[in-house]
Amino acid sequence: MGGINAEWEVSVQQTRQMLNDRDGFVLLDVRNPDEHSTCRIEGALLFPLSDLANRLDELRDLAEGKTVVAHCHHGGRSLKAAALLREAGLGPVKSMAGGIDAWSLEIDPSVPRY
């Protein structure tokens, strides 16, 4: 696996720390609802990538003044989500590198891999 692009990504370890600190942080799960029902990171909010453009106002309210990190299965969709949300003016949204698969491998093995 390549290195993390710090401008666009955060590691699963950094994400865990932000979740633990919780203040001023929003973790978005941009996977599909069926993936979310298979496994999830506690505290993540489901905003499927396909719905993001229609839910920008809701996200703006939710994310105001907060750090926003998106995650998906491996990191591809969450990078797309970060780009879309940045273009919409939500600030420096980042992607969790490696997605929930890396979370399962490095942080919480009780989260099923698929």
PDB file of N, CA and C in Angstrom:
ATOM      1  N   MET A   1       0.845  -1.174   0.000  1.00  0.00           N
ATOM      2  CA  MET A   1       0.000   0.000   0.000  1.00  0.00           C
ATOM      3  C   MET A   1       0.890   1.237   0.000  1.00  0.00           C
ATOM      4  N   GLY A   2       0.539   2.246  -0.790  1.00  0.00           N
ATOM      5  CA  GLY A   2       1.316   3.470  -0.865  1.00  0.00           C
ATOM      6  C   GLY A   2       1.119   4.328   0.363  1.00  0.00           C
ATOM      7  N   GLY A   3       1.857   5.422   0.384  1.00  0.00           N
ATOM      8  CA  GLY A   3       1.757   6.343   1.509  1.00  0.00           C
ATOM      9  C   GLY A   3       0.473   7.160   1.458  1.00  0.00           C
ATOM     10  N   ILE A   4       0.217   7.831   2.558  1.00  0.00           N
ATOM     11  CA  ILE A   4      -0.975   8.664   2.678  1.00  0.00           C
ATOM     12  C   ILE A   4      -0.674  10.056   2.134  1.00  0.00           C
ATOM     13  N   ASN A   5      -1.590  10.604   1.346  1.00  0.00           N
ATOM     14  CA  ASN A   5      -1.511  11.973   0.869  1.00  0.00           C
ATOM     15  C   ASN A   5      -2.150  12.850   1.945  1.00  0.00           C
ATOM     16  N   ALA A   6      -1.335  13.522   2.747  1.00  0.00           N
ATOM     17  CA  ALA A   6      -1.817  14.260   3.925  1.00  0.00           C
ATOM     18  C   ALA A   6      -2.799  15.374   3.577  1.00  0.00           C
ATOM     19  N   GLU A   7      -2.750  15.864   2.340  1.00  0.00           N
ATOM     20  CA  GLU A   7      -3.703  16.910   1.952  1.00  0.00           C
ATOM     21  C   GLU A   7      -5.118  16.344   1.832  1.00  0.00           C
ATOM     22  N   TRP A   8      -5.231  15.081   1.467  1.00  0.00           N
ATOM     23  CA  TRP A   8      -6.531  14.480   1.181  1.00  0.00           C
ATOM     24  C   TRP A   8      -6.919  13.340   2.118  1.00  0.00           C
ATOM     25  N   GLU A   9      -5.967  12.752   2.832  1.00  0.00           N
ATOM     26  CA  GLU A   9      -6.262  11.540   3.597  1.00  0.00           C
ATOM     27  C   GLU A   9      -5.770  11.622   5.039  1.00  0.00           C
ATOM     28  N   VAL A  10      -6.433  10.832   5.881  1.00  0.00           N
ATOM     29  CA  VAL A  10      -5.972  10.590   7.246  1.00  0.00           C
ATOM     30  C   VAL A  10      -5.898   9.081   7.431  1.00  0.00           C
ATOM     31  N   SER A  11      -5.047   8.639   8.329  1.00  0.00           N
ATOM     32  CA  SER A  11      -4.908   7.209   8.597  1.00  0.00           C
ATOM     33  C   SER A  11      -6.050   6.716   9.476  1.00  0.00           C
ATOM     34  N   VAL A  12      -6.191   5.404   9.560  1.00  0.00           N
ATOM     35  CA  VAL A  12      -7.202   4.842  10.458  1.00  0.00           C
ATOM     36  C   VAL A  12      -6.848   5.158  11.913  1.00  0.00           C
ATOM     37  N   GLN A  13      -5.561   5.237  12.221  1.00  0.00           N
ATOM     38  CA  GLN A  13      -5.148   5.583  13.587  1.00  0.00           C
ATOM     39  C   GLN A  13      -5.552   7.020  13.926  1.00  0.00           C
ATOM     40  N   GLN A  14      -5.341   7.942  12.987  1.00  0.00           N
ATOM     41  CA  GLN A  14      -5.757   9.333  13.204  1.00  0.00           C
ATOM     42  C   GLN A  14      -7.272   9.421  13.354  1.00  0.00           C
ATOM     43  N   THR A  15      -7.990   8.651  12.545  1.00  0.00           N
ATOM     44  CA  THR A  15      -9.449   8.657  12.619  1.00  0.00           C
ATOM     45  C   THR A  15      -9.914   8.138  13.970  1.00  0.00           C
ATOM     46  N   ARG A  16      -9.300   7.072  14.449  1.00  0.00           N
ATOM     47  CA  ARG A  16      -9.664   6.535  15.764  1.00  0.00           C
ATOM     48  C   ARG A  16      -9.458   7.594  16.843  1.00  0.00           C
ATOM     49  N   GLN A  17      -8.346   8.313  16.772  1.00  0.00           N
ATOM     50  CA  GLN A  17      -8.081   9.358  17.768  1.00  0.00           C
ATOM     51  C   GLN A  17      -9.144  10.453  17.709  1.00  0.00           C
ATOM     52  N   MET A  18      -9.515  10.867  16.495  1.00  0.00           N
ATOM     53  CA  MET A  18     -10.553  11.892  16.355  1.00  0.00           C
ATOM     54  C   MET A  18     -11.890  11.395  16.888  1.00  0.00           C
ATOM     55  N   LEU A  19     -12.207  10.122  16.631  1.00  0.00           N
ATOM     56  CA  LEU A  19     -13.444   9.539  17.167  1.00  0.00           C
ATOM     57  C   LEU A  19     -13.415   9.510  18.690  1.00  0.00           C
ATOM     58  N   ASN A  20     -12.284   9.156  19.256  1.00  0.00           N
ATOM     59  CA  ASN A  20     -12.154   9.114  20.714  1.00  0.00           C
ATOM     60  C   ASN A  20     -12.310  10.506  21.314  1.00  0.00           C
ATOM     61  N   ASP A  21     -11.730  11.511  20.652  1.00  0.00           N
ATOM     62  CA  ASP A  21     -11.830  12.888  21.138  1.00  0.00           C
ATOM     63  C   ASP A  21     -13.229  13.451  20.892  1.00  0.00           C
ATOM     64  N   ARG A  22     -13.821  13.049  19.800  1.00  0.00           N
ATOM     65  CA  ARG A  22     -15.195  13.314  19.381  1.00  0.00           C
ATOM     66  C   ARG A  22     -15.570  14.779  19.155  1.00  0.00           C
ATOM     67  N   ASP A  23     -15.100  15.690  19.972  1.00  0.00           N
ATOM     68  CA  ASP A  23     -15.484  17.091  19.801  1.00  0.00           C
ATOM     69  C   ASP A  23     -15.017  17.609  18.447  1.00  0.00           C
ATOM     70  N   GLY A  24     -15.940  18.230  17.727  1.00  0.00           N
ATOM     71  CA  GLY A  24     -15.577  18.857  16.475  1.00  0.00           C
ATOM     72  C   GLY A  24     -15.209  17.906  15.362  1.00  0.00           C
ATOM     73  N   PHE A  25     -15.801  16.715  15.359  1.00  0.00           N
ATOM     74  CA  PHE A  25     -15.455  15.703  14.358  1.00  0.00           C
ATOM     75  C   PHE A  25     -16.703  14.996  13.856  1.00  0.00           C
ATOM     76  N   VAL A  26     -16.762  14.787  12.536  1.00  0.00           N
ATOM     77  CA  VAL A  26     -17.841  14.020  11.917  1.00  0.00           C
ATOM     78  C   VAL A  26     -17.204  12.964  11.017  1.00  0.00           C
ATOM     79  N   LEU A  27     -17.596  11.700  11.216  1.00  0.00           N
ATOM     80  CA  LEU A  27     -17.152  10.605  10.351  1.00  0.00           C
ATOM     81  C   LEU A  27     -18.325  10.193   9.483  1.00  0.00           C
ATOM     82  N   LEU A  28     -18.153  10.336   8.172  1.00  0.00           N
ATOM     83  CA  LEU A  28     -19.195   9.977   7.212  1.00  0.00           C
ATOM     84  C   LEU A  28     -18.882   8.631   6.584  1.00  0.00           C
ATOM     85  N   ASP A  29     -19.866   7.754   6.572  1.00  0.00           N
ATOM     86  CA  ASP A  29     -19.781   6.473   5.872  1.00  0.00           C
ATOM     87  C   ASP A  29     -20.453   6.686   4.525  1.00  0.00           C
ATOM     88  N   VAL A  30     -19.677   6.690   3.440  1.00  0.00           N
ATOM     89  CA  VAL A  30     -20.238   6.969   2.122  1.00  0.00           C
ATOM     90  C   VAL A  30     -20.505   5.694   1.321  1.00  0.00           C
ATOM     91  N   ARG A  31     -20.500   4.554   2.010  1.00  0.00           N
ATOM     92  CA  ARG A  31     -20.825   3.288   1.345  1.00  0.00           C
ATOM     93  C   ARG A  31     -22.336   3.190   1.139  1.00  0.00           C
ATOM     94  N   ASN A  32     -22.750   2.139   0.473  1.00  0.00           N
ATOM     95  CA  ASN A  32     -24.169   1.880   0.250  1.00  0.00           C
ATOM     96  C   ASN A  32     -24.809   1.326   1.522  1.00  0.00           C
ATOM     97  N   PRO A  33     -26.129   1.501   1.673  1.00  0.00           N
ATOM     98  CA  PRO A  33     -26.804   1.008   2.880  1.00  0.00           C
ATOM     99  C   PRO A  33     -26.585  -0.479   3.148  1.00  0.00           C
ATOM    100  N   ASP A  34     -26.525  -1.311   2.098  1.00  0.00           N
ATOM    101  CA  ASP A  34     -26.314  -2.744   2.328  1.00  0.00           C
ATOM    102  C   ASP A  34     -24.921  -3.013   2.901  1.00  0.00           C
ATOM    103  N   GLU A  35     -23.924  -2.257   2.476  1.00  0.00           N
ATOM    104  CA  GLU A  35     -22.583  -2.402   3.044  1.00  0.00           C
ATOM    105  C   GLU A  35     -22.582  -1.959   4.507  1.00  0.00           C
ATOM    106  N   HIS A  36     -23.268  -0.852   4.775  1.00  0.00           N
ATOM    107  CA  HIS A  36     -23.354  -0.322   6.141  1.00  0.00           C
ATOM    108  C   HIS A  36     -24.027  -1.332   7.069  1.00  0.00           C
ATOM    109  N   SER A  37     -25.040  -2.045   6.553  1.00  0.00           N
ATOM    110  CA  SER A  37     -25.726  -3.035   7.396  1.00  0.00           C
ATOM    111  C   SER A  37     -24.853  -4.263   7.647  1.00  0.00           C
ATOM    112  N   THR A  38     -23.884  -4.523   6.766  1.00  0.00           N
ATOM    113  CA  THR A  38     -22.956  -5.642   6.947  1.00  0.00           C
ATOM    114  C   THR A  38     -21.971  -5.365   8.071  1.00  0.00           C
ATOM    115  N   CYS A  39     -21.421  -4.157   8.088  1.00  0.00           N
ATOM    116  CA  CYS A  39     -20.480  -3.754   9.130  1.00  0.00           C
ATOM    117  C   CYS A  39     -20.384  -2.245   9.142  1.00  0.00           C
ATOM    118  N   ARG A  40     -20.046  -1.711  10.303  1.00  0.00           N
ATOM    119  CA  ARG A  40     -19.952  -0.257  10.432  1.00  0.00           C
ATOM    120  C   ARG A  40     -18.971   0.116  11.523  1.00  0.00           C
ATOM    121  N   ILE A  41     -18.517   1.351  11.459  1.00  0.00           N
ATOM    122  CA  ILE A  41     -17.693   1.933  12.508  1.00  0.00           C
ATOM    123  C   ILE A  41     -18.634   2.711  13.410  1.00  0.00           C
ATOM    124  N   GLU A  42     -18.627   2.369  14.678  1.00  0.00           N
ATOM    125  CA  GLU A  42     -19.521   3.046  15.611  1.00  0.00           C
ATOM    126  C   GLU A  42     -19.237   4.543  15.617  1.00  0.00           C
ATOM    127  N   GLY A  43     -20.302   5.312  15.481  1.00  0.00           N
ATOM    128  CA  GLY A  43     -20.182   6.765  15.456  1.00  0.00           C
ATOM    129  C   GLY A  43     -20.203   7.359  14.061  1.00  0.00           C
ATOM    130  N   ALA A  44     -20.038   6.522  13.027  1.00  0.00           N
ATOM    131  CA  ALA A  44     -20.076   7.019  11.651  1.00  0.00           C
ATOM    132  C   ALA A  44     -21.521   7.246  11.220  1.00  0.00           C
ATOM    133  N   LEU A  45     -21.730   8.295  10.437  1.00  0.00           N
ATOM    134  CA  LEU A  45     -23.055   8.626   9.923  1.00  0.00           C
ATOM    135  C   LEU A  45     -23.143   8.209   8.463  1.00  0.00           C
ATOM    136  N   LEU A  46     -24.212   7.505   8.102  1.00  0.00           N
ATOM    137  CA  LEU A  46     -24.373   7.003   6.738  1.00  0.00           C
ATOM    138  C   LEU A  46     -24.872   8.109   5.812  1.00  0.00           C
ATOM    139  N   PHE A  47     -24.036   8.457   4.848  1.00  0.00           N
ATOM    140  CA  PHE A  47     -24.362   9.394   3.777  1.00  0.00           C
ATOM    141  C   PHE A  47     -23.822   8.783   2.492  1.00  0.00           C
ATOM    142  N   PRO A  48     -24.567   7.855   1.851  1.00  0.00           N
ATOM    143  CA  PRO A  48     -24.051   7.197   0.650  1.00  0.00           C
ATOM    144  C   PRO A  48     -23.581   8.203  -0.404  1.00  0.00           C
ATOM    145  N   LEU A  49     -22.496   7.873  -1.070  1.00  0.00           N
ATOM    146  CA  LEU A  49     -21.938   8.746  -2.100  1.00  0.00           C
ATOM    147  C   LEU A  49     -23.011   9.160  -3.101  1.00  0.00           C
ATOM    148  N   SER A  50     -23.888   8.234  -3.472  1.00  0.00           N
ATOM    149  CA  SER A  50     -24.929   8.533  -4.460  1.00  0.00           C
ATOM    150  C   SER A  50     -25.933   9.568  -3.957  1.00  0.00           C
ATOM    151  N   ASP A  51     -26.011   9.797  -2.644  1.00  0.00           N
ATOM    152  CA  ASP A  51     -26.949  10.763  -2.058  1.00  0.00           C
ATOM    153  C   ASP A  51     -26.307  12.093  -1.685  1.00  0.00           C
ATOM    154  N   LEU A  52     -24.992  12.175  -1.702  1.00  0.00           N
ATOM    155  CA  LEU A  52     -24.312  13.358  -1.165  1.00  0.00           C
ATOM    156  C   LEU A  52     -24.780  14.662  -1.802  1.00  0.00           C
ATOM    157  N   ALA A  53     -24.858  14.697  -3.112  1.00  0.00           N
ATOM    158  CA  ALA A  53     -25.224  15.941  -3.792  1.00  0.00           C
ATOM    159  C   ALA A  53     -26.602  16.429  -3.362  1.00  0.00           C
ATOM    160  N   ASN A  54     -27.507  15.515  -3.040  1.00  0.00           N
ATOM    161  CA  ASN A  54     -28.859  15.882  -2.620  1.00  0.00           C
ATOM    162  C   ASN A  54     -28.954  16.216  -1.138  1.00  0.00           C
ATOM    163  N   ARG A  55     -27.898  15.968  -0.385  1.00  0.00           N
ATOM    164  CA  ARG A  55     -27.937  16.174   1.073  1.00  0.00           C
ATOM    165  C   ARG A  55     -26.917  17.217   1.541  1.00  0.00           C
ATOM    166  N   LEU A  56     -26.504  18.083   0.626  1.00  0.00           N
ATOM    167  CA  LEU A  56     -25.466  19.063   0.962  1.00  0.00           C
ATOM    168  C   LEU A  56     -25.893  20.013   2.072  1.00  0.00           C
ATOM    169  N   ASP A  57     -27.142  20.473   2.051  1.00  0.00           N
ATOM    170  CA  ASP A  57     -27.595  21.391   3.104  1.00  0.00           C
ATOM    171  C   ASP A  57     -27.546  20.716   4.465  1.00  0.00           C
ATOM    172  N   GLU A  58     -27.996  19.472   4.520  1.00  0.00           N
ATOM    173  CA  GLU A  58     -27.951  18.697   5.767  1.00  0.00           C
ATOM    174  C   GLU A  58     -26.505  18.538   6.249  1.00  0.00           C
ATOM    175  N   LEU A  59     -25.618  18.247   5.319  1.00  0.00           N
ATOM    176  CA  LEU A  59     -24.207  18.082   5.669  1.00  0.00           C
ATOM    177  C   LEU A  59     -23.566  19.393   6.112  1.00  0.00           C
ATOM    178  N   ARG A  60     -23.932  20.486   5.454  1.00  0.00           N
ATOM    179  CA  ARG A  60     -23.385  21.788   5.858  1.00  0.00           C
ATOM    180  C   ARG A  60     -23.729  22.080   7.316  1.00  0.00           C
ATOM    181  N   ASP A  61     -24.991  21.845   7.682  1.00  0.00           N
ATOM    182  CA  ASP A  61     -25.415  22.079   9.068  1.00  0.00           C
ATOM    183  C   ASP A  61     -24.656  21.175  10.031  1.00  0.00           C
ATOM    184  N   LEU A  62     -24.528  19.918   9.659  1.00  0.00           N
ATOM    185  CA  LEU A  62     -23.871  18.920  10.502  1.00  0.00           C
ATOM    186  C   LEU A  62     -22.373  19.193  10.656  1.00  0.00           C
ATOM    187  N   ALA A  63     -21.757  19.665   9.584  1.00  0.00           N
ATOM    188  CA  ALA A  63     -20.299  19.790   9.544  1.00  0.00           C
ATOM    189  C   ALA A  63     -19.776  21.166   9.939  1.00  0.00           C
ATOM    190  N   GLU A  64     -20.653  22.108  10.153  1.00  0.00           N
ATOM    191  CA  GLU A  64     -20.210  23.476  10.426  1.00  0.00           C
ATOM    192  C   GLU A  64     -19.228  23.532  11.597  1.00  0.00           C
ATOM    193  N   GLY A  65     -18.040  24.041  11.308  1.00  0.00           N
ATOM    194  CA  GLY A  65     -17.018  24.190  12.335  1.00  0.00           C
ATOM    195  C   GLY A  65     -16.364  22.896  12.783  1.00  0.00           C
ATOM    196  N   LYS A  66     -16.576  21.812  12.040  1.00  0.00           N
ATOM    197  CA  LYS A  66     -16.043  20.506  12.436  1.00  0.00           C
ATOM    198  C   LYS A  66     -15.096  19.951  11.378  1.00  0.00           C
ATOM    199  N   THR A  67     -14.256  19.038  11.815  1.00  0.00           N
ATOM    200  CA  THR A  67     -13.419  18.269  10.904  1.00  0.00           C
ATOM    201  C   THR A  67     -14.278  17.143  10.342  1.00  0.00           C
ATOM    202  N   VAL A  68     -14.278  16.982   9.028  1.00  0.00           N
ATOM    203  CA  VAL A  68     -15.072  15.939   8.382  1.00  0.00           C
ATOM    204  C   VAL A  68     -14.134  14.944   7.707  1.00  0.00           C
ATOM    205  N   VAL A  69     -14.352  13.656   8.008  1.00  0.00           N
ATOM    206  CA  VAL A  69     -13.615  12.568   7.373  1.00  0.00           C
ATOM    207  C   VAL A  69     -14.643  11.605   6.797  1.00  0.00           C
ATOM    208  N   ALA A  70     -14.438  11.210   5.546  1.00  0.00           N
ATOM    209  CA  ALA A  70     -15.313  10.238   4.896  1.00  0.00           C
ATOM    210  C   ALA A  70     -14.595   8.896   4.819  1.00  0.00           C
ATOM    211  N   HIS A  71     -15.379   7.821   4.912  1.00  0.00           N
ATOM    212  CA  HIS A  71     -14.790   6.493   4.712  1.00  0.00           C
ATOM    213  C   HIS A  71     -15.710   5.658   3.843  1.00  0.00           C
ATOM    214  N   CYS A  72     -15.106   4.684   3.172  1.00  0.00           N
ATOM    215  CA  CYS A  72     -15.854   3.719   2.367  1.00  0.00           C
ATOM    216  C   CYS A  72     -15.233   2.349   2.608  1.00  0.00           C
ATOM    217  N   HIS A  73     -15.231   1.482   1.602  1.00  0.00           N
ATOM    218  CA  HIS A  73     -14.686   0.139   1.775  1.00  0.00           C
ATOM    219  C   HIS A  73     -13.156   0.151   1.752  1.00  0.00           C
ATOM    220  N   HIS A  74     -12.573   0.756   0.701  1.00  0.00           N
ATOM    221  CA  HIS A  74     -11.110   0.778   0.564  1.00  0.00           C
ATOM    222  C   HIS A  74     -10.511   2.174   0.413  1.00  0.00           C
ATOM    223  N   GLY A  75     -11.326   3.192   0.219  1.00  0.00           N
ATOM    224  CA  GLY A  75     -10.815   4.558   0.134  1.00  0.00           C
ATOM    225  C   GLY A  75     -11.085   5.293  -1.165  1.00  0.00           C
ATOM    226  N   GLY A  76     -11.552   4.608  -2.191  1.00  0.00           N
ATOM    227  CA  GLY A  76     -11.813   5.262  -3.476  1.00  0.00           C
ATOM    228  C   GLY A  76     -13.027   6.174  -3.457  1.00  0.00           C
ATOM    229  N   ARG A  77     -14.156   5.649  -3.001  1.00  0.00           N
ATOM    230  CA  ARG A  77     -15.372   6.466  -2.954  1.00  0.00           C
ATOM    231  C   ARG A  77     -15.243   7.609  -1.959  1.00  0.00           C
ATOM    232  N   SER A  78     -14.539   7.368  -0.865  1.00  0.00           N
ATOM    233  CA  SER A  78     -14.399   8.439   0.126  1.00  0.00           C
ATOM    234  C   SER A  78     -13.537   9.583  -0.415  1.00  0.00           C
ATOM    235  N   LEU A  79     -12.570   9.291  -1.274  1.00  0.00           N
ATOM    236  CA  LEU A  79     -11.815  10.367  -1.929  1.00  0.00           C
ATOM    237  C   LEU A  79     -12.725  11.164  -2.861  1.00  0.00           C
ATOM    238  N   LYS A  80     -13.605  10.473  -3.586  1.00  0.00           N
ATOM    239  CA  LYS A  80     -14.573  11.169  -4.445  1.00  0.00           C
ATOM    240  C   LYS A  80     -15.496  12.037  -3.599  1.00  0.00           C
ATOM    241  N   ALA A  81     -15.950  11.494  -2.469  1.00  0.00           N
ATOM    242  CA  ALA A  81     -16.826  12.256  -1.574  1.00  0.00           C
ATOM    243  C   ALA A  81     -16.107  13.488  -1.041  1.00  0.00           C
ATOM    244  N   ALA A  82     -14.847  13.331  -0.646  1.00  0.00           N
ATOM    245  CA  ALA A  82     -14.074  14.466  -0.133  1.00  0.00           C
ATOM    246  C   ALA A  82     -13.971  15.558  -1.197  1.00  0.00           C
ATOM    247  N   ALA A  83     -13.708  15.165  -2.441  1.00  0.00           N
ATOM    248  CA  ALA A  83     -13.608  16.144  -3.527  1.00  0.00           C
ATOM    249  C   ALA A  83     -14.945  16.844  -3.750  1.00  0.00           C
ATOM    250  N   LEU A  84     -16.028  16.095  -3.778  1.00  0.00           N
ATOM    251  CA  LEU A  84     -17.358  16.670  -3.979  1.00  0.00           C
ATOM    252  C   LEU A  84     -17.698  17.652  -2.860  1.00  0.00           C
ATOM    253  N   LEU A  85     -17.427  17.269  -1.629  1.00  0.00           N
ATOM    254  CA  LEU A  85     -17.763  18.122  -0.488  1.00  0.00           C
ATOM    255  C   LEU A  85     -16.873  19.357  -0.424  1.00  0.00           C
ATOM    256  N   ARG A  86     -15.622  19.218  -0.822  1.00  0.00           N
ATOM    257  CA  ARG A  86     -14.745  20.397  -0.882  1.00  0.00           C
ATOM    258  C   ARG A  86     -15.253  21.375  -1.933  1.00  0.00           C
ATOM    259  N   GLU A  87     -15.615  20.839  -3.106  1.00  0.00           N
ATOM    260  CA  GLU A  87     -16.148  21.688  -4.181  1.00  0.00           C
ATOM    261  C   GLU A  87     -17.408  22.409  -3.736  1.00  0.00           C
ATOM    262  N   ALA A  88     -18.187  21.785  -2.854  1.00  0.00           N
ATOM    263  CA  ALA A  88     -19.429  22.377  -2.351  1.00  0.00           C
ATOM    264  C   ALA A  88     -19.175  23.357  -1.208  1.00  0.00           C
ATOM    265  N   GLY A  89     -17.907  23.550  -0.846  1.00  0.00           N
ATOM    266  CA  GLY A  89     -17.570  24.534   0.167  1.00  0.00           C
ATOM    267  C   GLY A  89     -17.586  24.042   1.596  1.00  0.00           C
ATOM    268  N   LEU A  90     -17.471  22.739   1.815  1.00  0.00           N
ATOM    269  CA  LEU A  90     -17.490  22.204   3.170  1.00  0.00           C
ATOM    270  C   LEU A  90     -16.117  22.161   3.828  1.00  0.00           C
ATOM    271  N   GLY A  91     -15.154  22.818   3.242  1.00  0.00           N
ATOM    272  CA  GLY A  91     -13.836  22.877   3.870  1.00  0.00           C
ATOM    273  C   GLY A  91     -12.963  21.704   3.496  1.00  0.00           C
ATOM    274  N   PRO A  92     -11.879  21.504   4.251  1.00  0.00           N
ATOM    275  CA  PRO A  92     -10.891  20.479   3.911  1.00  0.00           C
ATOM    276  C   PRO A  92     -11.314  19.071   4.343  1.00  0.00           C
ATOM    277  N   VAL A  93     -12.377  18.566   3.734  1.00  0.00           N
ATOM    278  CA  VAL A  93     -12.849  17.207   4.014  1.00  0.00           C
ATOM    279  C   VAL A  93     -11.763  16.224   3.598  1.00  0.00           C
ATOM    280  N   LYS A  94     -11.579  15.184   4.394  1.00  0.00           N
ATOM    281  CA  LYS A  94     -10.549  14.180   4.088  1.00  0.00           C
ATOM    282  C   LYS A  94     -11.164  12.791   3.995  1.00  0.00           C
ATOM    283  N   SER A  95     -10.394  11.887   3.433  1.00  0.00           N
ATOM    284  CA  SER A  95     -10.767  10.483   3.278  1.00  0.00           C
ATOM    285  C   SER A  95      -9.947   9.640   4.249  1.00  0.00           C
ATOM    286  N   MET A  96     -10.587   8.637   4.840  1.00  0.00           N
ATOM    287  CA  MET A  96      -9.860   7.697   5.693  1.00  0.00           C
ATOM    288  C   MET A  96      -9.162   6.680   4.789  1.00  0.00           C
ATOM    289  N   ALA A  97      -7.850   6.747   4.732  1.00  0.00           N
ATOM    290  CA  ALA A  97      -7.060   5.884   3.856  1.00  0.00           C
ATOM    291  C   ALA A  97      -7.295   4.410   4.178  1.00  0.00           C
ATOM    292  N   GLY A  98      -7.560   3.624   3.139  1.00  0.00           N
ATOM    293  CA  GLY A  98      -7.747   2.187   3.313  1.00  0.00           C
ATOM    294  C   GLY A  98      -9.153   1.769   3.674  1.00  0.00           C
ATOM    295  N   GLY A  99      -9.999   2.736   4.022  1.00  0.00           N
ATOM    296  CA  GLY A  99     -11.401   2.458   4.301  1.00  0.00           C
ATOM    297  C   GLY A  99     -11.635   1.543   5.492  1.00  0.00           C
ATOM    298  N   ILE A 100     -12.853   1.018   5.545  1.00  0.00           N
ATOM    299  CA  ILE A 100     -13.244   0.165   6.666  1.00  0.00           C
ATOM    300  C   ILE A 100     -12.456  -1.145   6.664  1.00  0.00           C
ATOM    301  N   ASP A 101     -11.934  -1.526   5.506  1.00  0.00           N
ATOM    302  CA  ASP A 101     -11.111  -2.734   5.456  1.00  0.00           C
ATOM    303  C   ASP A 101      -9.838  -2.530   6.279  1.00  0.00           C
ATOM    304  N   ALA A 102      -9.185  -1.376   6.123  1.00  0.00           N
ATOM    305  CA  ALA A 102      -7.993  -1.066   6.926  1.00  0.00           C
ATOM    306  C   ALA A 102      -8.364  -0.923   8.399  1.00  0.00           C
ATOM    307  N   TRP A 103      -9.549  -0.363   8.672  1.00  0.00           N
ATOM    308  CA  TRP A 103     -10.022  -0.235  10.057  1.00  0.00           C
ATOM    309  C   TRP A 103     -10.105  -1.617  10.701  1.00  0.00           C
ATOM    310  N   SER A 104     -10.667  -2.575   9.974  1.00  0.00           N
ATOM    311  CA  SER A 104     -10.802  -3.939  10.480  1.00  0.00           C
ATOM    312  C   SER A 104      -9.436  -4.580  10.715  1.00  0.00           C
ATOM    313  N   LEU A 105      -8.507  -4.355   9.803  1.00  0.00           N
ATOM    314  CA  LEU A 105      -7.173  -4.954   9.913  1.00  0.00           C
ATOM    315  C   LEU A 105      -6.316  -4.306  10.998  1.00  0.00           C
ATOM    316  N   GLU A 106      -6.422  -2.989  11.155  1.00  0.00           N
ATOM    317  CA  GLU A 106      -5.486  -2.265  12.019  1.00  0.00           C
ATOM    318  C   GLU A 106      -6.070  -1.772  13.339  1.00  0.00           C
ATOM    319  N   ILE A 107      -7.385  -1.608  13.418  1.00  0.00           N
ATOM    320  CA  ILE A 107      -7.990  -1.002  14.606  1.00  0.00           C
ATOM    321  C   ILE A 107      -8.923  -1.960  15.335  1.00  0.00           C
ATOM    322  N   ASP A 108      -9.895  -2.521  14.619  1.00  0.00           N
ATOM    323  CA  ASP A 108     -10.936  -3.317  15.273  1.00  0.00           C
ATOM    324  C   ASP A 108     -11.238  -4.584  14.478  1.00  0.00           C
ATOM    325  N   PRO A 109     -10.572  -5.696  14.824  1.00  0.00           N
ATOM    326  CA  PRO A 109     -10.790  -6.940  14.083  1.00  0.00           C
ATOM    327  C   PRO A 109     -12.194  -7.516  14.244  1.00  0.00           C
ATOM    328  N   SER A 110     -13.000  -6.968  15.163  1.00  0.00           N
ATOM    329  CA  SER A 110     -14.382  -7.445  15.292  1.00  0.00           C
ATOM    330  C   SER A 110     -15.266  -6.907  14.164  1.00  0.00           C
ATOM    331  N   VAL A 111     -14.780  -5.903  13.428  1.00  0.00           N
ATOM    332  CA  VAL A 111     -15.515  -5.391  12.269  1.00  0.00           C
ATOM    333  C   VAL A 111     -15.270  -6.366  11.123  1.00  0.00           C
ATOM    334  N   PRO A 112     -16.346  -7.004  10.623  1.00  0.00           N
ATOM    335  CA  PRO A 112     -16.163  -8.014   9.566  1.00  0.00           C
ATOM    336  C   PRO A 112     -15.561  -7.426   8.293  1.00  0.00           C
ATOM    337  N   ARG A 113     -14.709  -8.197   7.656  1.00  0.00           N
ATOM    338  CA  ARG A 113     -14.165  -7.835   6.343  1.00  0.00           C
ATOM    339  C   ARG A 113     -15.055  -8.450   5.280  1.00  0.00           C
ATOM    340  N   TYR A 114     -15.175  -7.764   4.161  1.00  0.00           N
ATOM    341  CA  TYR A 114     -15.969  -8.285   3.043  1.00  0.00           C
ATOM    342  C   TYR A 114     -15.320  -7.908   1.737  1.00  0.00           C
TER     343      TYR A 114
END
